[in-house]
Amino acid sequence: MAKRITIRNKAFTQGYICACATMMQEHGNGTEVYDCLRGNFISLDDLRKHEVDEHDIEVLMPVINEIERKRALANCG
């Protein structure tokens, strides 16, 4: 069953993703952002359902794509 999106949950997700995007913009594509997102990443669709700013998503796309790629590989075997 899908988790219900509350205002509090949406605000937390938006702030968390904004902080990750800011880290990436300020410090580059290091393992810190990957590690922060990997443990808490839901999906690109879920980020949009949480109304995360598209600019933040765009900044994080290299990391999001890598996480999704690794998850897809893990689910193949």
C-alpha atoms as a PDB file:
ATOM      1  CA  MET A   1       0.000   0.000   0.000  1.00  0.00           C
ATOM      2  CA  ALA A   2       1.313   3.432  -0.924  1.00  0.00           C
ATOM      3  CA  LYS A   3       2.234   5.788   1.882  1.00  0.00           C
ATOM      4  CA  ARG A   4      -0.184   8.683   2.228  1.00  0.00           C
ATOM      5  CA  ILE A   5       1.423  12.023   1.418  1.00  0.00           C
ATOM      6  CA  THR A   6       0.775  14.456   4.254  1.00  0.00           C
ATOM      7  CA  ILE A   7       1.618  18.149   4.249  1.00  0.00           C
ATOM      8  CA  ARG A   8       4.343  17.476   6.810  1.00  0.00           C
ATOM      9  CA  ASN A   9       5.795  14.602   4.775  1.00  0.00           C
ATOM     10  CA  LYS A  10       5.671  16.673   1.584  1.00  0.00           C
ATOM     11  CA  ALA A  11       7.427  19.620   3.249  1.00  0.00           C
ATOM     12  CA  PHE A  12      10.130  17.363   4.681  1.00  0.00           C
ATOM     13  CA  THR A  13      10.758  15.721   1.304  1.00  0.00           C
ATOM     14  CA  GLN A  14      10.922  19.090  -0.454  1.00  0.00           C
ATOM     15  CA  GLY A  15      13.413  20.426   2.111  1.00  0.00           C
ATOM     16  CA  TYR A  16      15.520  17.272   2.093  1.00  0.00           C
ATOM     17  CA  ILE A  17      15.784  17.227  -1.700  1.00  0.00           C
ATOM     18  CA  CYS A  18      16.506  20.959  -1.772  1.00  0.00           C
ATOM     19  CA  ALA A  19      19.368  20.430   0.707  1.00  0.00           C
ATOM     20  CA  CYS A  20      20.769  17.581  -1.398  1.00  0.00           C
ATOM     21  CA  ALA A  21      20.551  19.701  -4.562  1.00  0.00           C
ATOM     22  CA  THR A  22      22.295  22.585  -2.796  1.00  0.00           C
ATOM     23  CA  MET A  23      25.103  20.271  -1.639  1.00  0.00           C
ATOM     24  CA  MET A  24      25.538  19.032  -5.188  1.00  0.00           C
ATOM     25  CA  GLN A  25      25.575  22.545  -6.634  1.00  0.00           C
ATOM     26  CA  GLU A  26      28.080  23.760  -4.058  1.00  0.00           C
ATOM     27  CA  HIS A  27      30.355  20.715  -3.845  1.00  0.00           C
ATOM     28  CA  GLY A  28      29.815  18.699  -7.012  1.00  0.00           C
ATOM     29  CA  ASN A  29      28.726  15.129  -7.593  1.00  0.00           C
ATOM     30  CA  GLY A  30      30.406  13.439  -4.662  1.00  0.00           C
ATOM     31  CA  THR A  31      29.451  10.368  -2.726  1.00  0.00           C
ATOM     32  CA  GLU A  32      27.829  12.472   0.006  1.00  0.00           C
ATOM     33  CA  VAL A  33      24.796  13.351  -2.120  1.00  0.00           C
ATOM     34  CA  TYR A  34      24.570   9.810  -3.482  1.00  0.00           C
ATOM     35  CA  ASP A  35      24.629   8.384   0.055  1.00  0.00           C
ATOM     36  CA  CYS A  36      22.035  10.881   1.313  1.00  0.00           C
ATOM     37  CA  LEU A  37      19.650  10.078  -1.518  1.00  0.00           C
ATOM     38  CA  ARG A  38      20.252   6.345  -1.765  1.00  0.00           C
ATOM     39  CA  GLY A  39      18.998   5.610   1.728  1.00  0.00           C
ATOM     40  CA  ASN A  40      15.913   7.804   1.440  1.00  0.00           C
ATOM     41  CA  PHE A  41      15.173   7.868  -2.286  1.00  0.00           C
ATOM     42  CA  ILE A  42      11.640   6.945  -3.206  1.00  0.00           C
ATOM     43  CA  SER A  43      11.350   7.409  -6.976  1.00  0.00           C
ATOM     44  CA  LEU A  44      11.285  10.166  -9.551  1.00  0.00           C
ATOM     45  CA  ASP A  45       7.491   9.860  -9.754  1.00  0.00           C
ATOM     46  CA  ASP A  46       7.208  10.135  -5.978  1.00  0.00           C
ATOM     47  CA  LEU A  47       9.420  13.240  -5.957  1.00  0.00           C
ATOM     48  CA  ARG A  48       6.994  14.842  -8.389  1.00  0.00           C
ATOM     49  CA  LYS A  49       3.999  13.716  -6.296  1.00  0.00           C
ATOM     50  CA  HIS A  50       5.651  15.458  -3.341  1.00  0.00           C
ATOM     51  CA  GLU A  51       5.843  18.564  -5.562  1.00  0.00           C
ATOM     52  CA  VAL A  52       9.627  18.779  -5.293  1.00  0.00           C
ATOM     53  CA  ASP A  53      10.966  21.744  -7.244  1.00  0.00           C
ATOM     54  CA  GLU A  54      11.854  20.701 -10.804  1.00  0.00           C
ATOM     55  CA  HIS A  55      15.141  22.617 -10.586  1.00  0.00           C
ATOM     56  CA  ASP A  56      16.200  20.466  -7.615  1.00  0.00           C
ATOM     57  CA  ILE A  57      15.249  17.333  -9.549  1.00  0.00           C
ATOM     58  CA  GLU A  58      17.211  18.544 -12.579  1.00  0.00           C
ATOM     59  CA  VAL A  59      20.312  19.191 -10.459  1.00  0.00           C
ATOM     60  CA  LEU A  60      20.057  15.718  -8.921  1.00  0.00           C
ATOM     61  CA  MET A  61      19.253  13.808 -12.135  1.00  0.00           C
ATOM     62  CA  PRO A  62      22.757  12.288 -12.506  1.00  0.00           C
ATOM     63  CA  VAL A  63      22.474  10.823  -9.001  1.00  0.00           C
ATOM     64  CA  ILE A  64      18.808   9.833  -9.419  1.00  0.00           C
ATOM     65  CA  ASN A  65      19.617   8.050 -12.688  1.00  0.00           C
ATOM     66  CA  GLU A  66      22.497   6.159 -11.042  1.00  0.00           C
ATOM     67  CA  ILE A  67      20.315   5.058  -8.123  1.00  0.00           C
ATOM     68  CA  GLU A  68      17.548   3.906 -10.469  1.00  0.00           C
ATOM     69  CA  ARG A  69      20.077   2.083 -12.674  1.00  0.00           C
ATOM     70  CA  LYS A  70      21.568   0.217  -9.707  1.00  0.00           C
ATOM     71  CA  ARG A  71      18.120  -0.667  -8.350  1.00  0.00           C
ATOM     72  CA  ALA A  72      17.070  -2.016 -11.751  1.00  0.00           C
ATOM     73  CA  LEU A  73      20.228  -4.150 -11.929  1.00  0.00           C
ATOM     74  CA  ALA A  74      19.622  -5.471  -8.415  1.00  0.00           C
ATOM     75  CA  ASN A  75      16.050  -6.434  -9.346  1.00  0.00           C
ATOM     76  CA  CYS A  76      17.140  -8.292 -12.496  1.00  0.00           C
ATOM     77  CA  GLY A  77      18.996 -11.048 -10.706  1.00  0.00           C
END
